[in-house]
Amino acid sequence: MVGNNFRVELAQSVHAADYILDQPPKKQIADNGKVVWADVPATEKSVQILFGHICRVRNNLFHGAKFNGTWFDPVRSEELLTHSLAVLEHFRTKAGV
């Protein structure tokens, strides 16, 4: 079970969670009929918020606006993916799955 002490549980992988929580993935919103990227506040630092951000990373990868032939900030996208996978791998291993 993951709880309030998730940062302690992550041990050496805590930097991955901190990166995601401190620089959360942007979300797509409709603004005057256009799809744009909006910043997400980095104020909450719970495990629920962390996994919500990880879900957004996945959704942005598979469903984000790629129709214009460009990938929004590929370096940052790769960082978010790498850190998300590190967190998921840690808890997958911990769960024995």
PDB file of N, CA and C in Angstrom:
ATOM      1  N   MET A   1       0.839  -1.179   0.000  1.00  0.00           N
ATOM      2  CA  MET A   1       0.000   0.000   0.000  1.00  0.00           C
ATOM      3  C   MET A   1       0.884   1.243   0.000  1.00  0.00           C
ATOM      4  N   VAL A   2       0.541   2.183  -0.819  1.00  0.00           N
ATOM      5  CA  VAL A   2       1.282   3.434  -0.918  1.00  0.00           C
ATOM      6  C   VAL A   2       0.520   4.484  -0.118  1.00  0.00           C
ATOM      7  N   GLY A   3       1.246   5.196   0.722  1.00  0.00           N
ATOM      8  CA  GLY A   3       0.566   6.181   1.561  1.00  0.00           C
ATOM      9  C   GLY A   3       1.302   7.498   1.636  1.00  0.00           C
ATOM     10  N   ASN A   4       1.105   8.173   2.762  1.00  0.00           N
ATOM     11  CA  ASN A   4       1.695   9.496   2.962  1.00  0.00           C
ATOM     12  C   ASN A   4       3.212   9.482   2.942  1.00  0.00           C
ATOM     13  N   ASN A   5       3.809   8.349   3.266  1.00  0.00           N
ATOM     14  CA  ASN A   5       5.280   8.259   3.294  1.00  0.00           C
ATOM     15  C   ASN A   5       5.842   7.745   1.967  1.00  0.00           C
ATOM     16  N   PHE A   6       5.141   8.004   0.884  1.00  0.00           N
ATOM     17  CA  PHE A   6       5.560   7.483  -0.423  1.00  0.00           C
ATOM     18  C   PHE A   6       6.945   7.965  -0.815  1.00  0.00           C
ATOM     19  N   ARG A   7       7.312   9.171  -0.401  1.00  0.00           N
ATOM     20  CA  ARG A   7       8.647   9.686  -0.752  1.00  0.00           C
ATOM     21  C   ARG A   7       9.723   8.859  -0.071  1.00  0.00           C
ATOM     22  N   VAL A   8       9.490   8.444   1.159  1.00  0.00           N
ATOM     23  CA  VAL A   8      10.447   7.591   1.868  1.00  0.00           C
ATOM     24  C   VAL A   8      10.493   6.222   1.201  1.00  0.00           C
ATOM     25  N   GLU A   9       9.330   5.702   0.829  1.00  0.00           N
ATOM     26  CA  GLU A   9       9.257   4.393   0.177  1.00  0.00           C
ATOM     27  C   GLU A   9      10.011   4.379  -1.149  1.00  0.00           C
ATOM     28  N   LEU A  10      10.026   5.504  -1.841  1.00  0.00           N
ATOM     29  CA  LEU A  10      10.702   5.564  -3.139  1.00  0.00           C
ATOM     30  C   LEU A  10      12.218   5.512  -3.022  1.00  0.00           C
ATOM     31  N   ALA A  11      12.751   5.867  -1.869  1.00  0.00           N
ATOM     32  CA  ALA A  11      14.199   5.820  -1.605  1.00  0.00           C
ATOM     33  C   ALA A  11      14.990   6.468  -2.737  1.00  0.00           C
ATOM     34  N   GLN A  12      15.776   5.687  -3.451  1.00  0.00           N
ATOM     35  CA  GLN A  12      16.662   6.231  -4.486  1.00  0.00           C
ATOM     36  C   GLN A  12      15.905   6.775  -5.695  1.00  0.00           C
ATOM     37  N   SER A  13      14.642   6.435  -5.815  1.00  0.00           N
ATOM     38  CA  SER A  13      13.848   6.919  -6.950  1.00  0.00           C
ATOM     39  C   SER A  13      13.047   8.175  -6.607  1.00  0.00           C
ATOM     40  N   VAL A  14      13.269   8.729  -5.414  1.00  0.00           N
ATOM     41  CA  VAL A  14      12.478   9.895  -4.989  1.00  0.00           C
ATOM     42  C   VAL A  14      12.674  11.083  -5.928  1.00  0.00           C
ATOM     43  N   HIS A  15      13.845  11.187  -6.526  1.00  0.00           N
ATOM     44  CA  HIS A  15      14.081  12.306  -7.456  1.00  0.00           C
ATOM     45  C   HIS A  15      13.107  12.267  -8.637  1.00  0.00           C
ATOM     46  N   ALA A  16      12.702  11.070  -9.042  1.00  0.00           N
ATOM     47  CA  ALA A  16      11.759  10.937 -10.157  1.00  0.00           C
ATOM     48  C   ALA A  16      10.396  11.507  -9.759  1.00  0.00           C
ATOM     49  N   ALA A  17       9.943  11.178  -8.557  1.00  0.00           N
ATOM     50  CA  ALA A  17       8.667  11.710  -8.073  1.00  0.00           C
ATOM     51  C   ALA A  17       8.749  13.217  -7.885  1.00  0.00           C
ATOM     52  N   ASP A  18       9.857  13.688  -7.339  1.00  0.00           N
ATOM     53  CA  ASP A  18      10.021  15.129  -7.125  1.00  0.00           C
ATOM     54  C   ASP A  18       9.977  15.891  -8.444  1.00  0.00           C
ATOM     55  N   TYR A  19      10.607  15.346  -9.477  1.00  0.00           N
ATOM     56  CA  TYR A  19      10.598  16.008 -10.790  1.00  0.00           C
ATOM     57  C   TYR A  19       9.162  16.170 -11.286  1.00  0.00           C
ATOM     58  N   ILE A  20       8.389  15.095 -11.195  1.00  0.00           N
ATOM     59  CA  ILE A  20       7.010  15.119 -11.689  1.00  0.00           C
ATOM     60  C   ILE A  20       6.150  16.070 -10.860  1.00  0.00           C
ATOM     61  N   LEU A  21       6.308  16.021  -9.541  1.00  0.00           N
ATOM     62  CA  LEU A  21       5.505  16.880  -8.671  1.00  0.00           C
ATOM     63  C   LEU A  21       5.891  18.352  -8.793  1.00  0.00           C
ATOM     64  N   ASP A  22       7.168  18.617  -8.992  1.00  0.00           N
ATOM     65  CA  ASP A  22       7.639  20.002  -9.088  1.00  0.00           C
ATOM     66  C   ASP A  22       7.406  20.615 -10.465  1.00  0.00           C
ATOM     67  N   GLN A  23       7.359  19.763 -11.491  1.00  0.00           N
ATOM     68  CA  GLN A  23       7.174  20.231 -12.873  1.00  0.00           C
ATOM     69  C   GLN A  23       6.125  19.365 -13.562  1.00  0.00           C
ATOM     70  N   PRO A  24       4.887  19.422 -13.087  1.00  0.00           N
ATOM     71  CA  PRO A  24       3.865  18.505 -13.607  1.00  0.00           C
ATOM     72  C   PRO A  24       3.616  18.680 -15.103  1.00  0.00           C
ATOM     73  N   PRO A  25       3.140  17.607 -15.725  1.00  0.00           N
ATOM     74  CA  PRO A  25       2.847  17.688 -17.155  1.00  0.00           C
ATOM     75  C   PRO A  25       1.716  18.679 -17.412  1.00  0.00           C
ATOM     76  N   LYS A  26       1.818  19.355 -18.517  1.00  0.00           N
ATOM     77  CA  LYS A  26       0.764  20.294 -18.905  1.00  0.00           C
ATOM     78  C   LYS A  26      -0.465  19.506 -19.331  1.00  0.00           C
ATOM     79  N   LYS A  27      -1.610  20.186 -19.309  1.00  0.00           N
ATOM     80  CA  LYS A  27      -2.823  19.538 -19.800  1.00  0.00           C
ATOM     81  C   LYS A  27      -3.380  20.339 -20.956  1.00  0.00           C
ATOM     82  N   GLN A  28      -4.068  19.639 -21.830  1.00  0.00           N
ATOM     83  CA  GLN A  28      -4.660  20.299 -22.983  1.00  0.00           C
ATOM     84  C   GLN A  28      -6.032  20.837 -22.609  1.00  0.00           C
ATOM     85  N   ILE A  29      -6.288  22.066 -23.019  1.00  0.00           N
ATOM     86  CA  ILE A  29      -7.590  22.679 -22.789  1.00  0.00           C
ATOM     87  C   ILE A  29      -8.044  23.356 -24.077  1.00  0.00           C
ATOM     88  N   ALA A  30      -9.334  23.603 -24.154  1.00  0.00           N
ATOM     89  CA  ALA A  30      -9.883  24.350 -25.285  1.00  0.00           C
ATOM     90  C   ALA A  30      -9.910  25.825 -24.898  1.00  0.00           C
ATOM     91  N   ASP A  31      -9.352  26.661 -25.754  1.00  0.00           N
ATOM     92  CA  ASP A  31      -9.306  28.098 -25.517  1.00  0.00           C
ATOM     93  C   ASP A  31      -9.703  28.810 -26.806  1.00  0.00           C
ATOM     94  N   ASN A  32     -10.902  29.395 -26.798  1.00  0.00           N
ATOM     95  CA  ASN A  32     -11.418  30.086 -27.988  1.00  0.00           C
ATOM     96  C   ASN A  32     -11.402  29.191 -29.221  1.00  0.00           C
ATOM     97  N   GLY A  33     -11.826  27.947 -29.041  1.00  0.00           N
ATOM     98  CA  GLY A  33     -11.911  27.024 -30.163  1.00  0.00           C
ATOM     99  C   GLY A  33     -10.609  26.380 -30.575  1.00  0.00           C
ATOM    100  N   LYS A  34      -9.529  26.666 -29.852  1.00  0.00           N
ATOM    101  CA  LYS A  34      -8.231  26.059 -30.153  1.00  0.00           C
ATOM    102  C   LYS A  34      -7.799  25.181 -28.986  1.00  0.00           C
ATOM    103  N   VAL A  35      -7.071  24.132 -29.299  1.00  0.00           N
ATOM    104  CA  VAL A  35      -6.504  23.270 -28.266  1.00  0.00           C
ATOM    105  C   VAL A  35      -5.132  23.825 -27.915  1.00  0.00           C
ATOM    106  N   VAL A  36      -4.946  24.139 -26.630  1.00  0.00           N
ATOM    107  CA  VAL A  36      -3.677  24.708 -26.167  1.00  0.00           C
ATOM    108  C   VAL A  36      -3.210  23.949 -24.929  1.00  0.00           C
ATOM    109  N   TRP A  37      -1.928  24.084 -24.632  1.00  0.00           N
ATOM    110  CA  TRP A  37      -1.350  23.471 -23.441  1.00  0.00           C
ATOM    111  C   TRP A  37      -1.442  24.454 -22.283  1.00  0.00           C
ATOM    112  N   ALA A  38      -1.931  23.988 -21.138  1.00  0.00           N
ATOM    113  CA  ALA A  38      -2.064  24.823 -19.944  1.00  0.00           C
ATOM    114  C   ALA A  38      -1.174  24.280 -18.833  1.00  0.00           C
ATOM    115  N   ASP A  39      -0.577  25.191 -18.084  1.00  0.00           N
ATOM    116  CA  ASP A  39       0.230  24.788 -16.934  1.00  0.00           C
ATOM    117  C   ASP A  39      -0.666  24.181 -15.865  1.00  0.00           C
ATOM    118  N   VAL A  40      -0.096  23.278 -15.098  1.00  0.00           N
ATOM    119  CA  VAL A  40      -0.773  22.643 -13.974  1.00  0.00           C
ATOM    120  C   VAL A  40      -0.043  23.088 -12.714  1.00  0.00           C
ATOM    121  N   PRO A  41      -0.767  23.551 -11.696  1.00  0.00           N
ATOM    122  CA  PRO A  41      -0.092  24.002 -10.478  1.00  0.00           C
ATOM    123  C   PRO A  41       0.705  22.874  -9.821  1.00  0.00           C
ATOM    124  N   ALA A  42       1.828  23.251  -9.238  1.00  0.00           N
ATOM    125  CA  ALA A  42       2.683  22.271  -8.547  1.00  0.00           C
ATOM    126  C   ALA A  42       2.579  22.465  -7.042  1.00  0.00           C
ATOM    127  N   THR A  43       1.371  22.713  -6.563  1.00  0.00           N
ATOM    128  CA  THR A  43       1.191  23.020  -5.147  1.00  0.00           C
ATOM    129  C   THR A  43       0.925  21.787  -4.298  1.00  0.00           C
ATOM    130  N   GLU A  44       0.210  20.814  -4.830  1.00  0.00           N
ATOM    131  CA  GLU A  44      -0.088  19.604  -4.063  1.00  0.00           C
ATOM    132  C   GLU A  44       0.974  18.551  -4.334  1.00  0.00           C
ATOM    133  N   LYS A  45       1.370  17.838  -3.274  1.00  0.00           N
ATOM    134  CA  LYS A  45       2.476  16.881  -3.398  1.00  0.00           C
ATOM    135  C   LYS A  45       2.104  15.494  -2.870  1.00  0.00           C
ATOM    136  N   SER A  46       0.838  15.127  -2.952  1.00  0.00           N
ATOM    137  CA  SER A  46       0.410  13.826  -2.436  1.00  0.00           C
ATOM    138  C   SER A  46       0.677  12.713  -3.449  1.00  0.00           C
ATOM    139  N   VAL A  47       0.583  11.485  -2.982  1.00  0.00           N
ATOM    140  CA  VAL A  47       0.771  10.344  -3.877  1.00  0.00           C
ATOM    141  C   VAL A  47      -0.363  10.276  -4.903  1.00  0.00           C
ATOM    142  N   GLN A  48      -1.560  10.701  -4.502  1.00  0.00           N
ATOM    143  CA  GLN A  48      -2.682  10.713  -5.443  1.00  0.00           C
ATOM    144  C   GLN A  48      -2.404  11.690  -6.586  1.00  0.00           C
ATOM    145  N   ILE A  49      -1.866  12.852  -6.251  1.00  0.00           N
ATOM    146  CA  ILE A  49      -1.526  13.839  -7.277  1.00  0.00           C
ATOM    147  C   ILE A  49      -0.412  13.296  -8.169  1.00  0.00           C
ATOM    148  N   LEU A  50       0.589  12.640  -7.555  1.00  0.00           N
ATOM    149  CA  LEU A  50       1.697  12.058  -8.326  1.00  0.00           C
ATOM    150  C   LEU A  50       1.167  11.093  -9.380  1.00  0.00           C
ATOM    151  N   PHE A  51       0.297  10.165  -8.972  1.00  0.00           N
ATOM    152  CA  PHE A  51      -0.216   9.191  -9.931  1.00  0.00           C
ATOM    153  C   PHE A  51      -1.180   9.838 -10.932  1.00  0.00           C
ATOM    154  N   GLY A  52      -1.856  10.905 -10.535  1.00  0.00           N
ATOM    155  CA  GLY A  52      -2.663  11.669 -11.490  1.00  0.00           C
ATOM    156  C   GLY A  52      -1.791  12.288 -12.571  1.00  0.00           C
ATOM    157  N   HIS A  53      -0.637  12.824 -12.149  1.00  0.00           N
ATOM    158  CA  HIS A  53       0.307  13.392 -13.122  1.00  0.00           C
ATOM    159  C   HIS A  53       0.853  12.306 -14.049  1.00  0.00           C
ATOM    160  N   ILE A  54       1.160  11.142 -13.489  1.00  0.00           N
ATOM    161  CA  ILE A  54       1.676  10.038 -14.308  1.00  0.00           C
ATOM    162  C   ILE A  54       0.624   9.614 -15.339  1.00  0.00           C
ATOM    163  N   CYS A  55      -0.634   9.586 -14.935  1.00  0.00           N
ATOM    164  CA  CYS A  55      -1.710   9.279 -15.895  1.00  0.00           C
ATOM    165  C   CYS A  55      -1.765  10.334 -16.997  1.00  0.00           C
ATOM    166  N   ARG A  56      -1.563  11.606 -16.629  1.00  0.00           N
ATOM    167  CA  ARG A  56      -1.580  12.665 -17.639  1.00  0.00           C
ATOM    168  C   ARG A  56      -0.409  12.514 -18.602  1.00  0.00           C
ATOM    169  N   VAL A  57       0.759  12.105 -18.091  1.00  0.00           N
ATOM    170  CA  VAL A  57       1.912  11.870 -18.971  1.00  0.00           C
ATOM    171  C   VAL A  57       1.531  10.831 -20.021  1.00  0.00           C
ATOM    172  N   ARG A  58       0.936   9.755 -19.574  1.00  0.00           N
ATOM    173  CA  ARG A  58       0.512   8.692 -20.490  1.00  0.00           C
ATOM    174  C   ARG A  58      -0.526   9.213 -21.486  1.00  0.00           C
ATOM    175  N   ASN A  59      -1.521   9.932 -20.981  1.00  0.00           N
ATOM    176  CA  ASN A  59      -2.570  10.446 -21.861  1.00  0.00           C
ATOM    177  C   ASN A  59      -2.021  11.441 -22.874  1.00  0.00           C
ATOM    178  N   ASN A  60      -1.104  12.294 -22.430  1.00  0.00           N
ATOM    179  CA  ASN A  60      -0.500  13.244 -23.367  1.00  0.00           C
ATOM    180  C   ASN A  60       0.276  12.518 -24.457  1.00  0.00           C
ATOM    181  N   LEU A  61       0.936  11.433 -24.087  1.00  0.00           N
ATOM    182  CA  LEU A  61       1.703  10.666 -25.065  1.00  0.00           C
ATOM    183  C   LEU A  61       0.785  10.056 -26.123  1.00  0.00           C
ATOM    184  N   PHE A  62      -0.302   9.431 -25.675  1.00  0.00           N
ATOM    185  CA  PHE A  62      -1.164   8.704 -26.601  1.00  0.00           C
ATOM    186  C   PHE A  62      -2.270   9.552 -27.220  1.00  0.00           C
ATOM    187  N   HIS A  63      -2.699  10.599 -26.524  1.00  0.00           N
ATOM    188  CA  HIS A  63      -3.851  11.358 -27.003  1.00  0.00           C
ATOM    189  C   HIS A  63      -3.566  12.836 -27.218  1.00  0.00           C
ATOM    190  N   GLY A  64      -2.360  13.285 -26.906  1.00  0.00           N
ATOM    191  CA  GLY A  64      -2.026  14.707 -27.056  1.00  0.00           C
ATOM    192  C   GLY A  64      -2.080  15.147 -28.507  1.00  0.00           C
ATOM    193  N   ALA A  65      -2.225  16.434 -28.689  1.00  0.00           N
ATOM    194  CA  ALA A  65      -2.356  16.997 -30.039  1.00  0.00           C
ATOM    195  C   ALA A  65      -1.052  16.850 -30.810  1.00  0.00           C
ATOM    196  N   LYS A  66      -1.027  15.856 -31.680  1.00  0.00           N
ATOM    197  CA  LYS A  66       0.144  15.635 -32.528  1.00  0.00           C
ATOM    198  C   LYS A  66      -0.232  15.864 -33.994  1.00  0.00           C
ATOM    199  N   PHE A  67      -1.392  16.447 -34.202  1.00  0.00           N
ATOM    200  CA  PHE A  67      -1.913  16.600 -35.552  1.00  0.00           C
ATOM    201  C   PHE A  67      -1.150  17.603 -36.389  1.00  0.00           C
ATOM    202  N   ASN A  68      -0.318  18.442 -35.767  1.00  0.00           N
ATOM    203  CA  ASN A  68       0.403  19.437 -36.556  1.00  0.00           C
ATOM    204  C   ASN A  68       1.804  18.972 -36.948  1.00  0.00           C
ATOM    205  N   GLY A  69       2.100  17.712 -36.700  1.00  0.00           N
ATOM    206  CA  GLY A  69       3.387  17.165 -37.113  1.00  0.00           C
ATOM    207  C   GLY A  69       4.530  17.445 -36.163  1.00  0.00           C
ATOM    208  N   THR A  70       4.236  18.019 -35.008  1.00  0.00           N
ATOM    209  CA  THR A  70       5.292  18.294 -34.030  1.00  0.00           C
ATOM    210  C   THR A  70       4.947  17.635 -32.706  1.00  0.00           C
ATOM    211  N   TRP A  71       5.976  17.391 -31.937  1.00  0.00           N
ATOM    212  CA  TRP A  71       5.803  16.815 -30.610  1.00  0.00           C
ATOM    213  C   TRP A  71       6.166  17.904 -29.628  1.00  0.00           C
ATOM    214  N   PHE A  72       5.239  18.289 -28.769  1.00  0.00           N
ATOM    215  CA  PHE A  72       5.425  19.392 -27.839  1.00  0.00           C
ATOM    216  C   PHE A  72       6.600  19.125 -26.910  1.00  0.00           C
ATOM    217  N   ASP A  73       7.617  19.944 -26.979  1.00  0.00           N
ATOM    218  CA  ASP A  73       8.786  19.916 -26.098  1.00  0.00           C
ATOM    219  C   ASP A  73       9.296  18.481 -25.879  1.00  0.00           C
ATOM    220  N   PRO A  74       9.899  17.872 -26.898  1.00  0.00           N
ATOM    221  CA  PRO A  74      10.303  16.469 -26.808  1.00  0.00           C
ATOM    222  C   PRO A  74      11.291  16.164 -25.687  1.00  0.00           C
ATOM    223  N   VAL A  75      12.176  17.089 -25.340  1.00  0.00           N
ATOM    224  CA  VAL A  75      13.131  16.824 -24.253  1.00  0.00           C
ATOM    225  C   VAL A  75      12.385  16.696 -22.933  1.00  0.00           C
ATOM    226  N   ARG A  76      11.497  17.628 -22.665  1.00  0.00           N
ATOM    227  CA  ARG A  76      10.706  17.572 -21.430  1.00  0.00           C
ATOM    228  C   ARG A  76       9.791  16.353 -21.430  1.00  0.00           C
ATOM    229  N   SER A  77       9.199  16.048 -22.566  1.00  0.00           N
ATOM    230  CA  SER A  77       8.332  14.873 -22.655  1.00  0.00           C
ATOM    231  C   SER A  77       9.106  13.609 -22.308  1.00  0.00           C
ATOM    232  N   GLU A  78      10.328  13.497 -22.810  1.00  0.00           N
ATOM    233  CA  GLU A  78      11.151  12.324 -22.501  1.00  0.00           C
ATOM    234  C   GLU A  78      11.491  12.271 -21.016  1.00  0.00           C
ATOM    235  N   GLU A  79      11.791  13.418 -20.420  1.00  0.00           N
ATOM    236  CA  GLU A  79      12.076  13.458 -18.978  1.00  0.00           C
ATOM    237  C   GLU A  79      10.863  12.995 -18.176  1.00  0.00           C
ATOM    238  N   LEU A  80       9.691  13.506 -18.524  1.00  0.00           N
ATOM    239  CA  LEU A  80       8.480  13.105 -17.813  1.00  0.00           C
ATOM    240  C   LEU A  80       8.212  11.613 -17.971  1.00  0.00           C
ATOM    241  N   LEU A  81       8.402  11.084 -19.171  1.00  0.00           N
ATOM    242  CA  LEU A  81       8.205   9.649 -19.395  1.00  0.00           C
ATOM    243  C   LEU A  81       9.199   8.818 -18.592  1.00  0.00           C
ATOM    244  N   THR A  82      10.460   9.213 -18.612  1.00  0.00           N
ATOM    245  CA  THR A  82      11.502   8.480 -17.891  1.00  0.00           C
ATOM    246  C   THR A  82      11.219   8.460 -16.397  1.00  0.00           C
ATOM    247  N   HIS A  83      10.871   9.614 -15.839  1.00  0.00           N
ATOM    248  CA  HIS A  83      10.605   9.686 -14.401  1.00  0.00           C
ATOM    249  C   HIS A  83       9.320   8.942 -14.034  1.00  0.00           C
ATOM    250  N   SER A  84       8.318   9.015 -14.879  1.00  0.00           N
ATOM    251  CA  SER A  84       7.079   8.279 -14.624  1.00  0.00           C
ATOM    252  C   SER A  84       7.336   6.782 -14.600  1.00  0.00           C
ATOM    253  N   LEU A  85       8.108   6.301 -15.560  1.00  0.00           N
ATOM    254  CA  LEU A  85       8.435   4.871 -15.598  1.00  0.00           C
ATOM    255  C   LEU A  85       9.242   4.443 -14.379  1.00  0.00           C
ATOM    256  N   ALA A  86      10.134   5.301 -13.887  1.00  0.00           N
ATOM    257  CA  ALA A  86      10.925   4.972 -12.695  1.00  0.00           C
ATOM    258  C   ALA A  86      10.019   4.797 -11.481  1.00  0.00           C
ATOM    259  N   VAL A  87       9.049   5.687 -11.318  1.00  0.00           N
ATOM    260  CA  VAL A  87       8.115   5.579 -10.192  1.00  0.00           C
ATOM    261  C   VAL A  87       7.273   4.315 -10.330  1.00  0.00           C
ATOM    262  N   LEU A  88       6.727   4.089 -11.514  1.00  0.00           N
ATOM    263  CA  LEU A  88       5.898   2.900 -11.733  1.00  0.00           C
ATOM    264  C   LEU A  88       6.690   1.616 -11.519  1.00  0.00           C
ATOM    265  N   GLU A  89       7.910   1.570 -12.017  1.00  0.00           N
ATOM    266  CA  GLU A  89       8.750   0.380 -11.849  1.00  0.00           C
ATOM    267  C   GLU A  89       9.044   0.131 -10.373  1.00  0.00           C
ATOM    268  N   HIS A  90       9.310   1.178  -9.621  1.00  0.00           N
ATOM    269  CA  HIS A  90       9.591   1.013  -8.193  1.00  0.00           C
ATOM    270  C   HIS A  90       8.410   0.345  -7.488  1.00  0.00           C
ATOM    271  N   PHE A  91       7.210   0.879  -7.700  1.00  0.00           N
ATOM    272  CA  PHE A  91       6.048   0.337  -7.007  1.00  0.00           C
ATOM    273  C   PHE A  91       5.612  -1.005  -7.582  1.00  0.00           C
ATOM    274  N   ARG A  92       5.874  -1.265  -8.856  1.00  0.00           N
ATOM    275  CA  ARG A  92       5.593  -2.594  -9.422  1.00  0.00           C
ATOM    276  C   ARG A  92       6.464  -3.631  -8.741  1.00  0.00           C
ATOM    277  N   THR A  93       7.747  -3.320  -8.595  1.00  0.00           N
ATOM    278  CA  THR A  93       8.679  -4.236  -7.938  1.00  0.00           C
ATOM    279  C   THR A  93       8.290  -4.440  -6.481  1.00  0.00           C
ATOM    280  N   LYS A  94       7.936  -3.354  -5.814  1.00  0.00           N
ATOM    281  CA  LYS A  94       7.537  -3.438  -4.410  1.00  0.00           C
ATOM    282  C   LYS A  94       6.314  -4.335  -4.240  1.00  0.00           C
ATOM    283  N   ALA A  95       5.400  -4.282  -5.201  1.00  0.00           N
ATOM    284  CA  ALA A  95       4.188  -5.091  -5.136  1.00  0.00           C
ATOM    285  C   ALA A  95       4.438  -6.543  -5.535  1.00  0.00           C
ATOM    286  N   GLY A  96       5.626  -6.835  -6.059  1.00  0.00           N
ATOM    287  CA  GLY A  96       5.946  -8.197  -6.461  1.00  0.00           C
ATOM    288  C   GLY A  96       5.263  -8.621  -7.742  1.00  0.00           C
ATOM    289  N   VAL A  97       4.952  -7.667  -8.580  1.00  0.00           N
ATOM    290  CA  VAL A  97       4.256  -7.967  -9.839  1.00  0.00           C
ATOM    291  C   VAL A  97       5.260  -8.053 -10.962  1.00  0.00           C
TER     292      VAL A  97
END
